[in-house]
């Protein structure tokens, strides 16, 4: 059976999205015949600003991705923090630089999922995902939401929980809140669920 290659592409300023991305990676790599890889979106903020906002150091074990490298993968999971209800500008810039891929529709038909971090309830837990779908649509990618497949945990009301049917998510509050065990479980499940869908699509395309 052909290997399904999944790129998990993320941007993280304070580490919350990185935590989620690594859990998505673990979930995806738990699926047989799937190889998932972590990539970082390049930083666009100057060092002085990063110091002022107390950004955490970028991990040395995750390379930065160039837009053209997306063509190598069979599917994608994009992770990012929310800024005023939409994806962070660093990720916006990355997508803006995928023009050559867009002109050839090199990513058309490939599945993509989304995960995120917001500050509070009104920070865009669903709006961030909805607006991000426009980027996928322009490329002809197939948006794969997690739906309610996570089961009863999707209906958890006893604790604050990020995420929605659109994908997995976490709350960062003022930056001090870390992803909870339930949010991490959803991220892991999300990676596994998405990898299963991507694998099915890859195998179906090779047999047609």
N, C-alpha and C. Protein backbone atom coordinates (compact mmCIF):
# COMPACT_ATOMS: atom_id res chain seq x y z
N UNK A 1 0.85 -1.20 0.00
CA UNK A 1 0.00 0.00 0.00
C UNK A 1 0.88 1.25 0.00
N UNK A 2 0.53 2.22 -0.81
CA UNK A 2 1.32 3.44 -0.91
C UNK A 2 1.28 4.23 0.40
N UNK A 3 2.40 4.85 0.73
CA UNK A 3 2.48 5.68 1.93
C UNK A 3 1.79 7.01 1.68
N UNK A 4 1.00 7.46 2.64
CA UNK A 4 0.34 8.76 2.58
C UNK A 4 1.16 9.76 3.37
N UNK A 5 1.60 10.81 2.69
CA UNK A 5 2.46 11.81 3.33
C UNK A 5 1.63 13.03 3.74
N UNK A 6 1.68 13.34 5.02
CA UNK A 6 0.91 14.46 5.55
C UNK A 6 1.86 15.50 6.14
N UNK A 7 1.68 16.74 5.75
CA UNK A 7 2.46 17.84 6.30
C UNK A 7 1.60 18.60 7.32
N UNK A 8 2.11 18.72 8.53
CA UNK A 8 1.46 19.50 9.57
C UNK A 8 2.20 20.83 9.65
N UNK A 9 1.57 21.86 9.12
CA UNK A 9 2.20 23.17 8.96
C UNK A 9 1.59 24.14 9.97
N UNK A 10 2.43 24.74 10.82
CA UNK A 10 1.87 25.56 11.88
C UNK A 10 2.70 26.81 12.14
N UNK A 11 2.05 27.75 12.83
CA UNK A 11 2.74 28.92 13.37
C UNK A 11 2.34 29.04 14.83
N UNK A 12 3.31 29.25 15.70
CA UNK A 12 3.04 29.36 17.12
C UNK A 12 3.90 30.45 17.73
N UNK A 13 3.27 31.41 18.41
CA UNK A 13 4.00 32.53 19.01
C UNK A 13 4.37 32.24 20.47
N UNK A 14 3.42 31.66 21.20
CA UNK A 14 3.64 31.41 22.62
C UNK A 14 3.66 29.92 22.98
N UNK A 15 3.65 29.06 21.97
CA UNK A 15 3.80 27.63 22.21
C UNK A 15 2.54 26.82 22.25
N UNK A 16 1.37 27.46 22.30
CA UNK A 16 0.12 26.71 22.40
C UNK A 16 -0.17 25.90 21.14
N UNK A 17 -0.01 26.53 19.99
CA UNK A 17 -0.27 25.82 18.73
C UNK A 17 0.80 24.74 18.51
N UNK A 18 2.02 25.01 18.93
CA UNK A 18 3.06 23.99 18.80
C UNK A 18 2.71 22.74 19.60
N UNK A 19 2.21 22.92 20.81
CA UNK A 19 1.78 21.78 21.63
C UNK A 19 0.71 20.99 20.91
N UNK A 20 -0.26 21.68 20.34
CA UNK A 20 -1.33 21.01 19.61
C UNK A 20 -0.78 20.31 18.37
N UNK A 21 0.15 20.97 17.66
CA UNK A 21 0.71 20.41 16.43
C UNK A 21 1.43 19.10 16.70
N UNK A 22 2.17 19.05 17.80
CA UNK A 22 2.90 17.82 18.12
C UNK A 22 1.94 16.68 18.47
N UNK A 23 0.81 17.03 19.05
CA UNK A 23 -0.18 16.00 19.36
C UNK A 23 -0.90 15.54 18.11
N UNK A 24 -1.20 16.48 17.20
CA UNK A 24 -1.76 16.12 15.90
C UNK A 24 -0.81 15.18 15.17
N UNK A 25 0.48 15.47 15.25
CA UNK A 25 1.50 14.63 14.62
C UNK A 25 1.46 13.21 15.17
N UNK A 26 1.39 13.10 16.50
CA UNK A 26 1.35 11.77 17.11
C UNK A 26 0.13 10.99 16.66
N UNK A 27 -1.00 11.68 16.59
CA UNK A 27 -2.21 11.00 16.14
C UNK A 27 -2.12 10.54 14.71
N UNK A 28 -1.61 11.40 13.84
CA UNK A 28 -1.50 11.06 12.42
C UNK A 28 -0.54 9.90 12.20
N UNK A 29 0.58 9.91 12.90
CA UNK A 29 1.58 8.86 12.71
C UNK A 29 1.17 7.53 13.34
N UNK A 30 0.07 7.53 14.09
CA UNK A 30 -0.43 6.28 14.66
C UNK A 30 -1.20 5.47 13.62
N UNK A 31 -1.51 6.08 12.48
CA UNK A 31 -2.25 5.40 11.42
C UNK A 31 -1.25 4.66 10.51
N UNK A 32 -1.45 3.37 10.30
CA UNK A 32 -0.52 2.61 9.44
C UNK A 32 -0.42 3.19 8.03
N UNK A 33 0.77 3.13 7.47
CA UNK A 33 1.04 3.60 6.11
C UNK A 33 0.88 5.11 5.95
N UNK A 34 0.98 5.83 7.07
CA UNK A 34 0.95 7.29 7.04
C UNK A 34 2.26 7.82 7.61
N UNK A 35 2.84 8.78 6.93
CA UNK A 35 4.03 9.47 7.41
C UNK A 35 3.70 10.95 7.53
N UNK A 36 3.70 11.44 8.77
CA UNK A 36 3.38 12.85 9.02
C UNK A 36 4.63 13.60 9.46
N UNK A 37 4.72 14.86 9.04
CA UNK A 37 5.90 15.67 9.32
C UNK A 37 5.47 17.05 9.81
N UNK A 38 6.24 17.59 10.75
CA UNK A 38 6.00 18.94 11.27
C UNK A 38 6.80 19.97 10.49
N UNK A 39 6.16 21.10 10.19
CA UNK A 39 6.82 22.22 9.54
C UNK A 39 6.36 23.52 10.19
N UNK A 40 7.25 24.50 10.26
CA UNK A 40 6.89 25.82 10.77
C UNK A 40 6.74 26.83 9.64
N UNK A 41 5.78 27.71 9.79
CA UNK A 41 5.63 28.84 8.88
C UNK A 41 6.68 29.89 9.28
N UNK A 42 7.36 30.50 8.32
CA UNK A 42 8.37 31.51 8.63
C UNK A 42 7.82 32.68 9.45
N UNK A 43 8.65 33.19 10.33
CA UNK A 43 8.29 34.35 11.14
C UNK A 43 8.41 35.62 10.30
N UNK A 44 7.51 36.58 10.54
CA UNK A 44 7.56 37.85 9.82
C UNK A 44 7.77 39.04 10.75
N UNK A 45 7.64 38.82 12.05
CA UNK A 45 7.82 39.91 13.01
C UNK A 45 9.30 40.15 13.30
N UNK A 46 9.69 41.42 13.48
CA UNK A 46 11.08 41.71 13.84
C UNK A 46 11.39 41.25 15.26
N UNK A 47 12.67 41.03 15.53
CA UNK A 47 13.09 40.50 16.82
C UNK A 47 12.66 41.39 17.99
N UNK A 48 12.67 42.69 17.81
CA UNK A 48 12.28 43.60 18.90
C UNK A 48 10.83 43.39 19.31
N UNK A 49 9.98 43.18 18.33
CA UNK A 49 8.56 42.95 18.64
C UNK A 49 8.38 41.60 19.32
N UNK A 50 9.09 40.60 18.85
CA UNK A 50 9.01 39.27 19.46
C UNK A 50 9.42 39.32 20.93
N UNK A 51 10.40 40.14 21.24
CA UNK A 51 10.84 40.28 22.63
C UNK A 51 9.76 40.96 23.46
N UNK A 52 9.12 41.98 22.90
CA UNK A 52 8.09 42.72 23.62
C UNK A 52 6.87 41.86 23.93
N UNK A 53 6.51 41.00 23.01
CA UNK A 53 5.33 40.15 23.23
C UNK A 53 5.70 38.84 23.93
N UNK A 54 6.97 38.70 24.31
CA UNK A 54 7.45 37.54 25.05
C UNK A 54 7.21 36.23 24.30
N UNK A 55 7.55 36.25 23.02
CA UNK A 55 7.42 35.04 22.20
C UNK A 55 8.39 33.98 22.70
N UNK A 56 7.96 32.73 22.65
CA UNK A 56 8.84 31.63 23.06
C UNK A 56 9.80 31.32 21.92
N UNK A 57 10.99 30.79 22.22
CA UNK A 57 11.94 30.44 21.15
C UNK A 57 11.34 29.41 20.21
N UNK A 58 11.65 29.54 18.94
CA UNK A 58 11.17 28.57 17.95
C UNK A 58 11.98 27.29 18.10
N UNK A 59 11.32 26.12 18.02
CA UNK A 59 12.01 24.85 18.23
C UNK A 59 13.04 24.56 17.15
N UNK A 60 14.16 23.98 17.56
CA UNK A 60 15.23 23.68 16.62
C UNK A 60 14.95 22.43 15.79
N UNK A 61 14.01 21.59 16.25
CA UNK A 61 13.78 20.32 15.57
C UNK A 61 12.68 20.39 14.52
N UNK A 62 12.16 21.59 14.25
CA UNK A 62 11.12 21.75 13.23
C UNK A 62 11.59 22.79 12.21
N UNK A 63 11.77 22.36 10.97
CA UNK A 63 12.27 23.25 9.93
C UNK A 63 11.17 24.17 9.41
N UNK A 64 11.57 25.29 8.83
CA UNK A 64 10.62 26.18 8.17
C UNK A 64 10.31 25.62 6.79
N UNK A 65 9.07 25.79 6.39
CA UNK A 65 8.64 25.26 5.09
C UNK A 65 8.55 26.38 4.06
N UNK A 66 8.89 26.04 2.83
CA UNK A 66 8.71 26.95 1.71
C UNK A 66 7.40 26.58 1.01
N UNK A 67 6.67 27.56 0.49
CA UNK A 67 5.37 27.27 -0.13
C UNK A 67 5.40 26.14 -1.16
N UNK A 68 6.45 26.11 -1.99
CA UNK A 68 6.50 25.10 -3.04
C UNK A 68 6.60 23.67 -2.50
N UNK A 69 7.03 23.53 -1.25
CA UNK A 69 7.15 22.20 -0.66
C UNK A 69 5.80 21.55 -0.40
N UNK A 70 4.74 22.34 -0.37
CA UNK A 70 3.40 21.77 -0.15
C UNK A 70 3.05 20.76 -1.22
N UNK A 71 3.58 20.95 -2.42
CA UNK A 71 3.25 20.05 -3.53
C UNK A 71 3.72 18.62 -3.28
N UNK A 72 4.64 18.43 -2.32
CA UNK A 72 5.18 17.11 -2.04
C UNK A 72 4.21 16.22 -1.25
N UNK A 73 3.28 16.84 -0.54
CA UNK A 73 2.43 16.10 0.40
C UNK A 73 1.11 15.69 -0.22
N UNK A 74 0.50 14.68 0.42
CA UNK A 74 -0.82 14.19 -0.01
C UNK A 74 -1.95 14.87 0.75
N UNK A 75 -1.63 15.49 1.89
CA UNK A 75 -2.64 16.15 2.70
C UNK A 75 -1.98 17.07 3.71
N UNK A 76 -2.77 17.97 4.29
CA UNK A 76 -2.21 18.99 5.17
C UNK A 76 -3.09 19.23 6.40
N UNK A 77 -2.42 19.52 7.51
CA UNK A 77 -3.08 20.05 8.69
C UNK A 77 -2.43 21.40 8.97
N UNK A 78 -3.21 22.45 8.94
CA UNK A 78 -2.70 23.80 9.18
C UNK A 78 -3.12 24.27 10.57
N UNK A 79 -2.14 24.72 11.37
CA UNK A 79 -2.42 25.20 12.72
C UNK A 79 -1.92 26.61 12.92
N UNK A 80 -2.70 27.43 13.64
CA UNK A 80 -2.32 28.83 13.82
C UNK A 80 -3.11 29.47 14.96
N UNK A 81 -2.56 30.52 15.56
CA UNK A 81 -3.34 31.30 16.52
C UNK A 81 -4.27 32.25 15.80
N UNK A 82 -5.28 32.70 16.51
CA UNK A 82 -6.23 33.65 15.94
C UNK A 82 -5.81 35.08 16.25
N UNK A 83 -6.01 35.95 15.28
CA UNK A 83 -5.78 37.38 15.47
C UNK A 83 -7.02 38.12 15.00
N UNK A 84 -7.76 38.68 15.96
CA UNK A 84 -8.99 39.39 15.66
C UNK A 84 -9.96 38.52 14.86
N UNK A 85 -10.03 37.25 15.22
CA UNK A 85 -10.99 36.35 14.62
C UNK A 85 -10.56 35.66 13.35
N UNK A 86 -9.34 35.92 12.88
CA UNK A 86 -8.84 35.26 11.67
C UNK A 86 -7.43 34.72 11.95
N UNK A 87 -6.90 33.95 11.00
CA UNK A 87 -5.58 33.38 11.18
C UNK A 87 -4.51 34.47 11.31
N UNK A 88 -3.44 34.17 12.03
CA UNK A 88 -2.34 35.11 12.23
C UNK A 88 -1.75 35.55 10.89
N UNK A 89 -1.22 36.77 10.86
CA UNK A 89 -0.70 37.35 9.62
C UNK A 89 0.46 36.54 9.04
N UNK A 90 1.21 35.86 9.89
CA UNK A 90 2.31 35.04 9.39
C UNK A 90 1.81 33.94 8.47
N UNK A 91 0.67 33.36 8.82
CA UNK A 91 0.08 32.30 8.01
C UNK A 91 -0.58 32.90 6.77
N UNK A 92 -1.18 34.08 6.94
CA UNK A 92 -1.74 34.80 5.78
C UNK A 92 -0.64 35.03 4.74
N UNK A 93 0.51 35.49 5.21
CA UNK A 93 1.63 35.76 4.32
C UNK A 93 2.10 34.49 3.62
N UNK A 94 2.15 33.40 4.39
CA UNK A 94 2.56 32.13 3.80
C UNK A 94 1.62 31.74 2.67
N UNK A 95 0.32 31.84 2.90
CA UNK A 95 -0.64 31.50 1.85
C UNK A 95 -0.54 32.47 0.67
N UNK A 96 -0.27 33.74 0.96
CA UNK A 96 -0.10 34.71 -0.13
C UNK A 96 1.05 34.31 -1.05
N UNK A 97 2.03 33.62 -0.48
CA UNK A 97 3.21 33.21 -1.25
C UNK A 97 3.03 31.88 -1.99
N UNK A 98 1.82 31.34 -1.96
CA UNK A 98 1.56 30.09 -2.67
C UNK A 98 0.99 30.35 -4.07
N UNK A 99 1.24 31.52 -4.59
CA UNK A 99 0.66 31.93 -5.88
C UNK A 99 0.97 30.94 -7.00
N UNK A 100 2.22 30.49 -7.08
CA UNK A 100 2.59 29.56 -8.16
C UNK A 100 1.82 28.26 -8.06
N UNK A 101 1.58 27.80 -6.84
CA UNK A 101 0.79 26.58 -6.66
C UNK A 101 -0.66 26.82 -7.05
N UNK A 102 -1.14 28.04 -6.76
CA UNK A 102 -2.52 28.38 -7.10
C UNK A 102 -2.71 28.44 -8.62
N UNK A 103 -1.76 29.02 -9.33
CA UNK A 103 -1.93 29.17 -10.79
C UNK A 103 -1.99 27.82 -11.49
N UNK A 104 -1.32 26.83 -10.93
CA UNK A 104 -1.34 25.49 -11.53
C UNK A 104 -2.34 24.57 -10.86
N UNK A 105 -2.96 25.05 -9.77
CA UNK A 105 -3.88 24.23 -8.96
C UNK A 105 -3.21 22.91 -8.56
N UNK A 106 -1.96 23.03 -8.15
CA UNK A 106 -1.16 21.86 -7.77
C UNK A 106 -1.68 21.17 -6.51
N UNK A 107 -2.46 21.90 -5.70
CA UNK A 107 -2.97 21.33 -4.45
C UNK A 107 -4.43 20.89 -4.56
N UNK A 108 -5.02 21.08 -5.71
CA UNK A 108 -6.44 20.75 -5.90
C UNK A 108 -6.69 19.27 -5.65
N UNK A 109 -7.75 19.00 -4.91
CA UNK A 109 -8.13 17.63 -4.64
C UNK A 109 -7.44 17.02 -3.43
N UNK A 110 -6.50 17.76 -2.83
CA UNK A 110 -5.81 17.24 -1.65
C UNK A 110 -6.56 17.65 -0.39
N UNK A 111 -6.67 16.76 0.61
CA UNK A 111 -7.41 17.08 1.83
C UNK A 111 -6.61 17.99 2.76
N UNK A 112 -7.33 18.80 3.53
CA UNK A 112 -6.70 19.70 4.49
C UNK A 112 -7.59 19.86 5.71
N UNK A 113 -6.96 19.91 6.88
CA UNK A 113 -7.66 20.14 8.13
C UNK A 113 -7.07 21.36 8.82
N UNK A 114 -7.77 21.85 9.85
CA UNK A 114 -7.38 23.08 10.54
C UNK A 114 -7.46 22.89 12.05
N UNK A 115 -6.46 23.41 12.77
CA UNK A 115 -6.53 23.49 14.23
C UNK A 115 -5.98 24.85 14.65
N UNK A 116 -6.29 25.29 15.88
CA UNK A 116 -6.02 26.69 16.21
C UNK A 116 -5.97 26.93 17.71
N UNK A 117 -5.60 28.16 18.04
CA UNK A 117 -5.61 28.65 19.42
C UNK A 117 -6.20 30.05 19.42
N UNK A 118 -7.08 30.32 20.38
CA UNK A 118 -7.62 31.68 20.54
C UNK A 118 -7.46 32.08 22.01
N UNK A 119 -7.64 33.38 22.26
CA UNK A 119 -7.49 33.87 23.62
C UNK A 119 -8.69 33.53 24.48
N UNK A 120 -9.89 33.93 24.03
CA UNK A 120 -11.09 33.76 24.85
C UNK A 120 -12.25 33.27 23.98
N UNK A 121 -13.42 33.17 24.57
CA UNK A 121 -14.60 32.65 23.88
C UNK A 121 -14.92 33.45 22.62
N UNK A 122 -14.75 34.78 22.68
CA UNK A 122 -15.08 35.62 21.54
C UNK A 122 -13.91 35.82 20.59
N UNK A 123 -12.85 35.03 20.76
CA UNK A 123 -11.64 35.23 19.97
C UNK A 123 -11.64 34.59 18.61
N UNK A 124 -12.67 33.80 18.30
CA UNK A 124 -12.74 33.23 16.96
C UNK A 124 -12.57 31.73 16.88
N UNK A 125 -13.05 30.99 17.88
CA UNK A 125 -12.89 29.53 17.86
C UNK A 125 -13.49 28.91 16.59
N UNK A 126 -14.58 29.46 16.10
CA UNK A 126 -15.16 28.96 14.85
C UNK A 126 -14.90 29.91 13.68
N UNK A 127 -14.90 31.22 13.94
CA UNK A 127 -14.68 32.19 12.87
C UNK A 127 -13.30 32.02 12.25
N UNK A 128 -12.31 31.73 13.06
CA UNK A 128 -10.95 31.53 12.55
C UNK A 128 -10.92 30.38 11.54
N UNK A 129 -11.61 29.30 11.87
CA UNK A 129 -11.65 28.15 10.97
C UNK A 129 -12.44 28.47 9.70
N UNK A 130 -13.57 29.13 9.87
CA UNK A 130 -14.43 29.45 8.72
C UNK A 130 -13.71 30.34 7.72
N UNK A 131 -13.00 31.36 8.21
CA UNK A 131 -12.31 32.27 7.30
C UNK A 131 -11.09 31.59 6.68
N UNK A 132 -10.50 30.64 7.37
CA UNK A 132 -9.35 29.92 6.83
C UNK A 132 -9.75 29.02 5.66
N UNK A 133 -10.99 28.58 5.66
CA UNK A 133 -11.47 27.70 4.60
C UNK A 133 -11.38 28.38 3.23
N UNK A 134 -11.44 29.71 3.20
CA UNK A 134 -11.35 30.41 1.92
C UNK A 134 -10.00 30.15 1.25
N UNK A 135 -8.95 30.01 2.04
CA UNK A 135 -7.63 29.72 1.48
C UNK A 135 -7.62 28.34 0.84
N UNK A 136 -8.24 27.39 1.52
CA UNK A 136 -8.29 26.03 1.00
C UNK A 136 -9.12 25.98 -0.27
N UNK A 137 -10.24 26.70 -0.27
CA UNK A 137 -11.14 26.68 -1.43
C UNK A 137 -10.46 27.23 -2.68
N UNK A 138 -9.70 28.31 -2.53
CA UNK A 138 -9.02 28.89 -3.69
C UNK A 138 -8.03 27.91 -4.30
N UNK A 139 -7.46 27.05 -3.47
CA UNK A 139 -6.51 26.06 -3.97
C UNK A 139 -7.21 24.77 -4.42
N UNK A 140 -8.52 24.70 -4.22
CA UNK A 140 -9.24 23.49 -4.61
C UNK A 140 -9.02 22.33 -3.66
N UNK A 141 -8.52 22.63 -2.47
CA UNK A 141 -8.32 21.57 -1.48
C UNK A 141 -9.65 21.14 -0.86
N UNK A 142 -9.67 19.95 -0.34
CA UNK A 142 -10.88 19.40 0.27
C UNK A 142 -10.80 19.59 1.78
N UNK A 143 -11.67 20.43 2.33
CA UNK A 143 -11.68 20.68 3.77
C UNK A 143 -12.25 19.47 4.50
N UNK A 144 -11.50 18.95 5.45
CA UNK A 144 -11.94 17.79 6.24
C UNK A 144 -12.16 18.23 7.68
N UNK A 145 -13.40 18.51 8.09
CA UNK A 145 -13.68 18.87 9.48
C UNK A 145 -13.72 17.63 10.35
N UNK A 146 -13.56 17.82 11.64
CA UNK A 146 -13.61 16.66 12.55
C UNK A 146 -15.05 16.29 12.87
N UNK A 147 -15.99 17.23 12.64
CA UNK A 147 -17.39 16.96 12.93
C UNK A 147 -17.61 16.66 14.41
N UNK A 148 -18.52 15.76 14.69
CA UNK A 148 -18.77 15.34 16.07
C UNK A 148 -18.28 13.91 16.29
N UNK A 149 -17.29 13.52 15.49
CA UNK A 149 -16.79 12.14 15.55
C UNK A 149 -15.99 11.84 16.81
N UNK A 150 -15.63 12.88 17.56
CA UNK A 150 -14.90 12.68 18.82
C UNK A 150 -15.81 12.15 19.92
N UNK A 151 -17.10 12.06 19.63
CA UNK A 151 -18.05 11.46 20.57
C UNK A 151 -18.51 12.39 21.67
N UNK A 152 -18.81 11.82 22.83
CA UNK A 152 -19.42 12.58 23.91
C UNK A 152 -18.54 13.71 24.43
N UNK A 153 -17.24 13.62 24.23
CA UNK A 153 -16.34 14.69 24.69
C UNK A 153 -16.58 15.99 23.95
N UNK A 154 -17.19 15.92 22.76
CA UNK A 154 -17.53 17.14 22.03
C UNK A 154 -18.62 17.93 22.75
N UNK A 155 -19.35 17.26 23.62
CA UNK A 155 -20.46 17.91 24.33
C UNK A 155 -20.09 18.27 25.76
N UNK A 156 -18.81 18.19 26.10
CA UNK A 156 -18.35 18.48 27.45
C UNK A 156 -18.73 19.90 27.87
N UNK A 157 -19.44 20.02 29.01
CA UNK A 157 -19.86 21.32 29.50
C UNK A 157 -19.31 21.62 30.89
N UNK A 158 -18.56 20.68 31.45
CA UNK A 158 -18.06 20.86 32.81
C UNK A 158 -16.75 21.60 32.88
N UNK A 159 -16.14 21.88 31.74
CA UNK A 159 -14.87 22.61 31.71
C UNK A 159 -14.76 23.41 30.43
N UNK A 160 -13.90 24.42 30.46
CA UNK A 160 -13.64 25.20 29.25
C UNK A 160 -12.88 24.32 28.27
N UNK A 161 -13.35 24.27 27.04
CA UNK A 161 -12.74 23.38 26.05
C UNK A 161 -12.73 24.07 24.69
N UNK A 162 -11.55 24.13 24.07
CA UNK A 162 -11.44 24.68 22.73
C UNK A 162 -11.83 23.64 21.69
N UNK A 163 -11.89 24.09 20.45
CA UNK A 163 -12.26 23.19 19.37
C UNK A 163 -13.72 23.28 19.02
N UNK A 164 -14.08 22.70 17.89
CA UNK A 164 -15.45 22.71 17.39
C UNK A 164 -15.55 21.65 16.31
N UNK A 165 -16.72 21.49 15.68
CA UNK A 165 -16.81 20.54 14.57
C UNK A 165 -15.85 20.86 13.42
N UNK A 166 -15.35 22.09 13.38
CA UNK A 166 -14.43 22.47 12.30
C UNK A 166 -13.02 21.93 12.52
N UNK A 167 -12.67 21.65 13.77
CA UNK A 167 -11.34 21.14 14.06
C UNK A 167 -11.01 21.24 15.53
N UNK A 168 -9.78 20.87 15.89
CA UNK A 168 -9.36 20.92 17.29
C UNK A 168 -8.81 22.31 17.61
N UNK A 169 -8.93 22.70 18.86
CA UNK A 169 -8.49 24.03 19.26
C UNK A 169 -8.23 24.11 20.75
N UNK A 170 -7.63 25.21 21.16
CA UNK A 170 -7.34 25.46 22.57
C UNK A 170 -7.53 26.93 22.88
N UNK A 171 -7.69 27.23 24.16
CA UNK A 171 -7.74 28.61 24.63
C UNK A 171 -6.41 28.95 25.29
N UNK A 172 -5.90 30.13 25.01
CA UNK A 172 -4.64 30.57 25.60
C UNK A 172 -4.83 31.60 26.71
N UNK A 173 -6.04 32.19 26.79
CA UNK A 173 -6.33 33.26 27.76
C UNK A 173 -5.31 34.39 27.55
N UNK A 174 -4.61 34.80 28.62
CA UNK A 174 -3.60 35.87 28.49
C UNK A 174 -2.24 35.30 28.10
N UNK A 175 -2.22 34.04 27.70
CA UNK A 175 -0.98 33.37 27.33
C UNK A 175 -0.51 32.38 28.37
N UNK A 176 -1.10 32.48 29.58
CA UNK A 176 -0.65 31.62 30.67
C UNK A 176 -1.35 30.26 30.70
N UNK A 177 -2.52 30.17 30.07
CA UNK A 177 -3.25 28.91 30.07
C UNK A 177 -2.64 27.95 29.04
N UNK A 178 -2.40 26.73 29.44
CA UNK A 178 -1.87 25.71 28.54
C UNK A 178 -3.00 24.79 28.07
N UNK A 179 -2.83 24.13 26.93
CA UNK A 179 -3.86 23.18 26.48
C UNK A 179 -4.16 22.14 27.55
N UNK A 180 -5.44 21.88 27.76
CA UNK A 180 -5.85 20.92 28.77
C UNK A 180 -5.73 19.50 28.23
N UNK A 181 -5.88 18.54 29.11
CA UNK A 181 -5.80 17.14 28.70
C UNK A 181 -6.87 16.81 27.68
N UNK A 182 -8.06 17.36 27.85
CA UNK A 182 -9.15 17.09 26.91
C UNK A 182 -8.84 17.71 25.54
N UNK A 183 -8.29 18.91 25.52
CA UNK A 183 -7.93 19.56 24.26
C UNK A 183 -6.81 18.79 23.55
N UNK A 184 -5.88 18.27 24.33
CA UNK A 184 -4.79 17.48 23.76
C UNK A 184 -5.32 16.16 23.19
N UNK A 185 -6.27 15.57 23.90
CA UNK A 185 -6.88 14.34 23.40
C UNK A 185 -7.58 14.58 22.08
N UNK A 186 -8.28 15.71 21.97
CA UNK A 186 -8.97 16.04 20.72
C UNK A 186 -7.97 16.26 19.59
N UNK A 187 -6.85 16.94 19.89
CA UNK A 187 -5.82 17.17 18.87
C UNK A 187 -5.26 15.84 18.37
N UNK A 188 -5.00 14.93 19.29
CA UNK A 188 -4.48 13.61 18.91
C UNK A 188 -5.49 12.87 18.04
N UNK A 189 -6.75 12.89 18.48
CA UNK A 189 -7.81 12.24 17.71
C UNK A 189 -7.96 12.89 16.34
N UNK A 190 -7.88 14.22 16.31
CA UNK A 190 -8.03 14.96 15.07
C UNK A 190 -6.97 14.52 14.05
N UNK A 191 -5.72 14.41 14.52
CA UNK A 191 -4.65 13.97 13.64
C UNK A 191 -4.89 12.57 13.11
N UNK A 192 -5.36 11.69 13.98
CA UNK A 192 -5.62 10.30 13.59
C UNK A 192 -6.80 10.23 12.62
N UNK A 193 -7.85 10.98 12.92
CA UNK A 193 -9.04 10.97 12.07
C UNK A 193 -8.71 11.51 10.68
N UNK A 194 -8.00 12.65 10.65
CA UNK A 194 -7.65 13.25 9.37
C UNK A 194 -6.75 12.32 8.56
N UNK A 195 -5.78 11.71 9.21
CA UNK A 195 -4.86 10.81 8.51
C UNK A 195 -5.61 9.64 7.88
N UNK A 196 -6.62 9.15 8.57
CA UNK A 196 -7.42 8.06 8.02
C UNK A 196 -8.16 8.47 6.76
N UNK A 197 -8.71 9.69 6.77
CA UNK A 197 -9.41 10.21 5.59
C UNK A 197 -8.43 10.43 4.45
N UNK A 198 -7.28 11.04 4.76
CA UNK A 198 -6.28 11.30 3.72
C UNK A 198 -5.78 10.00 3.10
N UNK A 199 -5.61 8.99 3.92
CA UNK A 199 -5.15 7.68 3.44
C UNK A 199 -6.18 7.07 2.47
N UNK A 200 -7.43 7.15 2.83
CA UNK A 200 -8.49 6.63 1.96
C UNK A 200 -8.50 7.35 0.62
N UNK A 201 -8.36 8.67 0.65
CA UNK A 201 -8.37 9.44 -0.59
C UNK A 201 -7.15 9.11 -1.44
N UNK A 202 -6.00 8.94 -0.82
CA UNK A 202 -4.78 8.61 -1.55
C UNK A 202 -4.92 7.24 -2.23
N UNK A 203 -5.40 6.26 -1.48
CA UNK A 203 -5.52 4.92 -2.03
C UNK A 203 -6.58 4.84 -3.13
N UNK A 204 -7.64 5.65 -2.97
CA UNK A 204 -8.68 5.65 -4.00
C UNK A 204 -8.17 6.28 -5.28
N UNK A 205 -7.37 7.34 -5.16
CA UNK A 205 -6.86 8.01 -6.35
C UNK A 205 -5.86 7.15 -7.11
N UNK A 206 -5.14 6.29 -6.39
CA UNK A 206 -4.15 5.44 -7.06
C UNK A 206 -4.77 4.23 -7.74
N UNK A 207 -6.04 3.94 -7.39
CA UNK A 207 -6.70 2.78 -8.00
C UNK A 207 -7.64 3.17 -9.12
N UNK A 208 -7.92 4.47 -9.26
CA UNK A 208 -8.84 4.93 -10.31
C UNK A 208 -8.12 4.97 -11.65
